[in-house]
């Protein structure tokens, strides 16, 4: 019987390996630093489990054994399951004056749940959110279904239909004005 691994186990294993390597290295070479552009943790068959990388060497997603083009080139960390497929990660990216930092766990074909922080130093726009997505049938297709967020001072809980349209909103804007949006049938 094959037991599915928990992505959290890979995170803890990865951090444990990194911490142990760091402690050994600093003990052996106390006056030196360790630097690399990419570090891959692999299993005994050389299948990836964890990759930490700068933006130039960040791995493309692997889904069902196929490599796909990534929409952005962040730096960060990618988690893989025992089949070598991407199952989540942490990404840090910046374009012009806007930055995006995200921590995500994936379904087999799309983002499932994520925490993100977006900030634009040019416009002052900002957003912090926890998002839960539906699993779509095609690669990257899943719609946002639940979002708990603070965007430019408006804090709210938003529940969307399968097309991503907000159907329930409970929010308070930056001036303290509450908003409750419910479908007509439940009012």
C-alpha atoms as a PDB file:
ATOM      1  CA  UNK A   1       0.000   0.000   0.000  1.00  0.00           C
ATOM      2  CA  UNK A   2       1.458   3.342  -1.058  1.00  0.00           C
ATOM      3  CA  UNK A   3       1.102   6.104   1.517  1.00  0.00           C
ATOM      4  CA  UNK A   4       0.783   9.678   0.238  1.00  0.00           C
ATOM      5  CA  UNK A   5       3.272  12.076   1.796  1.00  0.00           C
ATOM      6  CA  UNK A   6       2.233  15.305   3.431  1.00  0.00           C
ATOM      7  CA  UNK A   7       3.799  18.462   1.876  1.00  0.00           C
ATOM      8  CA  UNK A   8       4.313  19.815   5.393  1.00  0.00           C
ATOM      9  CA  UNK A   9       6.644  16.879   5.996  1.00  0.00           C
ATOM     10  CA  UNK A  10       8.793  18.032   3.054  1.00  0.00           C
ATOM     11  CA  UNK A  11       8.892  21.549   4.448  1.00  0.00           C
ATOM     12  CA  UNK A  12      10.010  20.341   7.865  1.00  0.00           C
ATOM     13  CA  UNK A  13      12.497  17.912   6.325  1.00  0.00           C
ATOM     14  CA  UNK A  14      13.879  20.644   4.072  1.00  0.00           C
ATOM     15  CA  UNK A  15      14.301  23.122   6.916  1.00  0.00           C
ATOM     16  CA  UNK A  16      15.891  20.403   9.059  1.00  0.00           C
ATOM     17  CA  UNK A  17      18.401  19.517   6.332  1.00  0.00           C
ATOM     18  CA  UNK A  18      19.207  23.175   5.711  1.00  0.00           C
ATOM     19  CA  UNK A  19      19.653  23.944   9.399  1.00  0.00           C
ATOM     20  CA  UNK A  20      21.879  20.893   9.902  1.00  0.00           C
ATOM     21  CA  UNK A  21      23.991  21.761   6.845  1.00  0.00           C
ATOM     22  CA  UNK A  22      24.302  25.353   8.017  1.00  0.00           C
ATOM     23  CA  UNK A  23      25.349  24.341  11.538  1.00  0.00           C
ATOM     24  CA  UNK A  24      27.933  21.832  10.259  1.00  0.00           C
ATOM     25  CA  UNK A  25      29.304  24.337   7.749  1.00  0.00           C
ATOM     26  CA  UNK A  26      29.584  27.147  10.299  1.00  0.00           C
ATOM     27  CA  UNK A  27      31.311  24.776  12.731  1.00  0.00           C
ATOM     28  CA  UNK A  28      33.838  23.573  10.140  1.00  0.00           C
ATOM     29  CA  UNK A  29      34.306  27.010   8.473  1.00  0.00           C
ATOM     30  CA  UNK A  30      33.444  29.556  11.182  1.00  0.00           C
ATOM     31  CA  UNK A  31      34.779  32.583   9.271  1.00  0.00           C
ATOM     32  CA  UNK A  32      33.188  31.822   5.903  1.00  0.00           C
ATOM     33  CA  UNK A  33      29.747  31.992   4.324  1.00  0.00           C
ATOM     34  CA  UNK A  34      28.012  29.586   2.016  1.00  0.00           C
ATOM     35  CA  UNK A  35      26.479  30.960  -1.179  1.00  0.00           C
ATOM     36  CA  UNK A  36      24.798  29.331  -4.127  1.00  0.00           C
ATOM     37  CA  UNK A  37      22.271  30.303  -6.782  1.00  0.00           C
ATOM     38  CA  UNK A  38      20.229  27.127  -6.355  1.00  0.00           C
ATOM     39  CA  UNK A  39      20.086  24.282  -3.869  1.00  0.00           C
ATOM     40  CA  UNK A  40      18.143  21.105  -4.705  1.00  0.00           C
ATOM     41  CA  UNK A  41      17.250  18.445  -2.141  1.00  0.00           C
ATOM     42  CA  UNK A  42      16.608  15.118  -3.903  1.00  0.00           C
ATOM     43  CA  UNK A  43      15.629  11.605  -2.859  1.00  0.00           C
ATOM     44  CA  UNK A  44      17.789   8.515  -3.382  1.00  0.00           C
ATOM     45  CA  UNK A  45      16.562   8.300  -7.011  1.00  0.00           C
ATOM     46  CA  UNK A  46      17.591  11.925  -7.676  1.00  0.00           C
ATOM     47  CA  UNK A  47      13.946  13.061  -7.861  1.00  0.00           C
ATOM     48  CA  UNK A  48      13.456  16.600  -6.532  1.00  0.00           C
ATOM     49  CA  UNK A  49      11.904  17.114  -3.080  1.00  0.00           C
ATOM     50  CA  UNK A  50      12.807  20.750  -2.439  1.00  0.00           C
ATOM     51  CA  UNK A  51      14.472  23.483  -4.460  1.00  0.00           C
ATOM     52  CA  UNK A  52      15.678  26.851  -3.141  1.00  0.00           C
ATOM     53  CA  UNK A  53      16.706  29.280  -5.821  1.00  0.00           C
ATOM     54  CA  UNK A  54      17.258  32.813  -6.987  1.00  0.00           C
ATOM     55  CA  UNK A  55      15.090  34.181  -9.808  1.00  0.00           C
ATOM     56  CA  UNK A  56      17.575  33.224 -12.553  1.00  0.00           C
ATOM     57  CA  UNK A  57      17.503  29.525 -11.645  1.00  0.00           C
ATOM     58  CA  UNK A  58      13.985  29.077 -10.242  1.00  0.00           C
ATOM     59  CA  UNK A  59      12.587  25.760 -11.530  1.00  0.00           C
ATOM     60  CA  UNK A  60       9.591  25.630 -13.847  1.00  0.00           C
ATOM     61  CA  UNK A  61       6.580  23.728 -12.479  1.00  0.00           C
ATOM     62  CA  UNK A  62       6.428  19.985 -13.038  1.00  0.00           C
ATOM     63  CA  UNK A  63       2.897  18.572 -13.229  1.00  0.00           C
ATOM     64  CA  UNK A  64       2.212  14.935 -14.106  1.00  0.00           C
ATOM     65  CA  UNK A  65       5.874  14.594 -15.014  1.00  0.00           C
ATOM     66  CA  UNK A  66       5.733  17.420 -17.592  1.00  0.00           C
ATOM     67  CA  UNK A  67       7.575  20.718 -17.236  1.00  0.00           C
ATOM     68  CA  UNK A  68       5.499  23.843 -17.894  1.00  0.00           C
ATOM     69  CA  UNK A  69       6.470  27.505 -18.348  1.00  0.00           C
ATOM     70  CA  UNK A  70       6.158  29.561 -15.167  1.00  0.00           C
ATOM     71  CA  UNK A  71       4.237  32.860 -15.503  1.00  0.00           C
ATOM     72  CA  UNK A  72       6.801  34.778 -13.417  1.00  0.00           C
ATOM     73  CA  UNK A  73      10.419  34.261 -12.371  1.00  0.00           C
ATOM     74  CA  UNK A  74      10.493  34.593  -8.585  1.00  0.00           C
ATOM     75  CA  UNK A  75      13.144  33.627  -6.095  1.00  0.00           C
ATOM     76  CA  UNK A  76      12.144  31.275  -3.308  1.00  0.00           C
ATOM     77  CA  UNK A  77      11.456  27.640  -2.596  1.00  0.00           C
ATOM     78  CA  UNK A  78       9.478  24.897  -4.388  1.00  0.00           C
ATOM     79  CA  UNK A  79       8.162  21.688  -2.776  1.00  0.00           C
ATOM     80  CA  UNK A  80       7.751  18.454  -4.759  1.00  0.00           C
ATOM     81  CA  UNK A  81       5.865  15.240  -3.927  1.00  0.00           C
ATOM     82  CA  UNK A  82       7.269  11.721  -4.191  1.00  0.00           C
ATOM     83  CA  UNK A  83       6.330  11.642  -7.904  1.00  0.00           C
ATOM     84  CA  UNK A  84       8.415  14.764  -8.645  1.00  0.00           C
ATOM     85  CA  UNK A  85       5.389  17.028  -9.147  1.00  0.00           C
ATOM     86  CA  UNK A  86       5.264  20.536  -7.683  1.00  0.00           C
ATOM     87  CA  UNK A  87       2.969  20.712  -4.636  1.00  0.00           C
ATOM     88  CA  UNK A  88       3.639  24.233  -3.374  1.00  0.00           C
ATOM     89  CA  UNK A  89       6.266  26.708  -2.411  1.00  0.00           C
ATOM     90  CA  UNK A  90       7.263  30.182  -1.369  1.00  0.00           C
ATOM     91  CA  UNK A  91       7.903  32.823  -4.008  1.00  0.00           C
ATOM     92  CA  UNK A  92       9.241  36.350  -3.838  1.00  0.00           C
ATOM     93  CA  UNK A  93       9.028  38.523  -6.942  1.00  0.00           C
ATOM     94  CA  UNK A  94       9.173  42.160  -7.935  1.00  0.00           C
ATOM     95  CA  UNK A  95       8.195  43.947 -11.129  1.00  0.00           C
ATOM     96  CA  UNK A  96       8.869  47.680 -11.354  1.00  0.00           C
ATOM     97  CA  UNK A  97       7.673  49.089  -8.008  1.00  0.00           C
ATOM     98  CA  UNK A  98       5.318  46.176  -7.177  1.00  0.00           C
ATOM     99  CA  UNK A  99       6.311  43.164  -5.101  1.00  0.00           C
ATOM    100  CA  UNK A 100       4.514  39.869  -4.491  1.00  0.00           C
ATOM    101  CA  UNK A 101       5.425  37.421  -1.728  1.00  0.00           C
ATOM    102  CA  UNK A 102       3.444  34.181  -1.561  1.00  0.00           C
ATOM    103  CA  UNK A 103       3.288  30.874   0.314  1.00  0.00           C
ATOM    104  CA  UNK A 104       1.187  28.324  -1.596  1.00  0.00           C
ATOM    105  CA  UNK A 105       0.086  24.684  -1.438  1.00  0.00           C
ATOM    106  CA  UNK A 106      -1.112  23.183  -4.709  1.00  0.00           C
ATOM    107  CA  UNK A 107      -3.708  20.806  -6.021  1.00  0.00           C
ATOM    108  CA  UNK A 108      -2.326  18.429  -8.640  1.00  0.00           C
ATOM    109  CA  UNK A 109      -2.962  21.027 -11.382  1.00  0.00           C
ATOM    110  CA  UNK A 110      -3.327  24.491  -9.783  1.00  0.00           C
ATOM    111  CA  UNK A 111      -2.898  26.590  -6.645  1.00  0.00           C
ATOM    112  CA  UNK A 112      -5.132  25.325  -3.810  1.00  0.00           C
ATOM    113  CA  UNK A 113      -4.522  27.633  -0.860  1.00  0.00           C
ATOM    114  CA  UNK A 114      -2.161  30.522  -0.473  1.00  0.00           C
ATOM    115  CA  UNK A 115      -1.087  33.387   1.695  1.00  0.00           C
ATOM    116  CA  UNK A 116       0.162  36.443  -0.123  1.00  0.00           C
ATOM    117  CA  UNK A 117       1.403  39.971   0.383  1.00  0.00           C
ATOM    118  CA  UNK A 118       1.381  42.489  -2.471  1.00  0.00           C
ATOM    119  CA  UNK A 119       2.807  45.979  -2.181  1.00  0.00           C
ATOM    120  CA  UNK A 120       3.438  48.753  -4.680  1.00  0.00           C
ATOM    121  CA  UNK A 121       5.911  51.328  -3.405  1.00  0.00           C
ATOM    122  CA  UNK A 122       5.035  53.615  -6.328  1.00  0.00           C
ATOM    123  CA  UNK A 123       1.273  53.816  -5.769  1.00  0.00           C
ATOM    124  CA  UNK A 124       1.084  52.811  -2.107  1.00  0.00           C
ATOM    125  CA  UNK A 125      -1.402  50.037  -2.962  1.00  0.00           C
ATOM    126  CA  UNK A 126      -1.147  47.011  -0.680  1.00  0.00           C
ATOM    127  CA  UNK A 127      -2.876  43.722  -0.036  1.00  0.00           C
ATOM    128  CA  UNK A 128      -2.466  40.797   2.341  1.00  0.00           C
ATOM    129  CA  UNK A 129      -4.687  37.758   1.816  1.00  0.00           C
ATOM    130  CA  UNK A 130      -5.396  34.123   2.460  1.00  0.00           C
ATOM    131  CA  UNK A 131      -7.044  32.582  -0.597  1.00  0.00           C
ATOM    132  CA  UNK A 132      -8.713  29.221  -1.101  1.00  0.00           C
ATOM    133  CA  UNK A 133      -9.250  28.121  -4.682  1.00  0.00           C
ATOM    134  CA  UNK A 134     -11.459  25.575  -6.393  1.00  0.00           C
ATOM    135  CA  UNK A 135      -9.750  22.762  -8.277  1.00  0.00           C
ATOM    136  CA  UNK A 136     -10.275  23.239 -11.979  1.00  0.00           C
ATOM    137  CA  UNK A 137     -10.277  20.548 -14.634  1.00  0.00           C
ATOM    138  CA  UNK A 138      -7.451  22.105 -16.670  1.00  0.00           C
ATOM    139  CA  UNK A 139      -3.965  23.237 -15.730  1.00  0.00           C
ATOM    140  CA  UNK A 140      -4.114  26.450 -13.666  1.00  0.00           C
ATOM    141  CA  UNK A 141      -7.887  26.756 -14.099  1.00  0.00           C
ATOM    142  CA  UNK A 142      -9.210  26.805 -10.493  1.00  0.00           C
ATOM    143  CA  UNK A 143     -11.210  29.903  -9.506  1.00  0.00           C
ATOM    144  CA  UNK A 144     -10.773  31.847  -6.258  1.00  0.00           C
ATOM    145  CA  UNK A 145     -13.594  30.737  -3.936  1.00  0.00           C
ATOM    146  CA  UNK A 146     -12.763  32.260  -0.536  1.00  0.00           C
ATOM    147  CA  UNK A 147     -10.588  35.242   0.268  1.00  0.00           C
ATOM    148  CA  UNK A 148      -9.842  36.718   3.672  1.00  0.00           C
ATOM    149  CA  UNK A 149      -7.946  39.902   2.983  1.00  0.00           C
ATOM    150  CA  UNK A 150      -6.986  43.453   3.761  1.00  0.00           C
ATOM    151  CA  UNK A 151      -6.661  45.516   0.597  1.00  0.00           C
ATOM    152  CA  UNK A 152      -5.748  49.193   0.845  1.00  0.00           C
ATOM    153  CA  UNK A 153      -7.335  49.386   4.287  1.00  0.00           C
ATOM    154  CA  UNK A 154     -10.527  47.468   3.466  1.00  0.00           C
ATOM    155  CA  UNK A 155     -10.684  44.238   5.473  1.00  0.00           C
ATOM    156  CA  UNK A 156     -13.080  41.547   4.418  1.00  0.00           C
ATOM    157  CA  UNK A 157     -14.220  38.016   3.867  1.00  0.00           C
ATOM    158  CA  UNK A 158     -15.261  37.331   0.275  1.00  0.00           C
ATOM    159  CA  UNK A 159     -16.957  34.141  -0.952  1.00  0.00           C
ATOM    160  CA  UNK A 160     -17.162  33.623  -4.706  1.00  0.00           C
ATOM    161  CA  UNK A 161     -19.094  31.372  -7.065  1.00  0.00           C
ATOM    162  CA  UNK A 162     -17.300  28.879  -9.346  1.00  0.00           C
ATOM    163  CA  UNK A 163     -16.704  31.661 -11.880  1.00  0.00           C
ATOM    164  CA  UNK A 164     -14.896  33.816  -9.312  1.00  0.00           C
ATOM    165  CA  UNK A 165     -17.736  36.355  -8.881  1.00  0.00           C
ATOM    166  CA  UNK A 166     -18.244  37.631  -5.321  1.00  0.00           C
ATOM    167  CA  UNK A 167     -21.610  36.426  -3.970  1.00  0.00           C
ATOM    168  CA  UNK A 168     -21.098  37.055  -0.245  1.00  0.00           C
ATOM    169  CA  UNK A 169     -19.040  39.918   1.132  1.00  0.00           C
ATOM    170  CA  UNK A 170     -18.531  40.913   4.727  1.00  0.00           C
ATOM    171  CA  UNK A 171     -16.146  43.858   4.860  1.00  0.00           C
ATOM    172  CA  UNK A 172     -15.210  47.095   6.591  1.00  0.00           C
ATOM    173  CA  UNK A 173     -13.600  49.854   4.525  1.00  0.00           C
ATOM    174  CA  UNK A 174     -10.679  52.048   5.586  1.00  0.00           C
ATOM    175  CA  UNK A 175     -13.091  54.632   7.067  1.00  0.00           C
ATOM    176  CA  UNK A 176     -14.883  52.039   9.219  1.00  0.00           C
ATOM    177  CA  UNK A 177     -17.988  51.672   7.016  1.00  0.00           C
ATOM    178  CA  UNK A 178     -19.296  48.061   7.076  1.00  0.00           C
ATOM    179  CA  UNK A 179     -20.605  46.258   4.010  1.00  0.00           C
ATOM    180  CA  UNK A 180     -22.660  43.073   3.853  1.00  0.00           C
ATOM    181  CA  UNK A 181     -23.528  41.647   0.442  1.00  0.00           C
ATOM    182  CA  UNK A 182     -25.822  38.626   0.272  1.00  0.00           C
ATOM    183  CA  UNK A 183     -27.732  37.065  -2.614  1.00  0.00           C
ATOM    184  CA  UNK A 184     -31.292  38.427  -3.003  1.00  0.00           C
ATOM    185  CA  UNK A 185     -32.878  35.094  -2.006  1.00  0.00           C
ATOM    186  CA  UNK A 186     -31.347  35.140   1.490  1.00  0.00           C
ATOM    187  CA  UNK A 187     -32.143  38.765   2.408  1.00  0.00           C
END
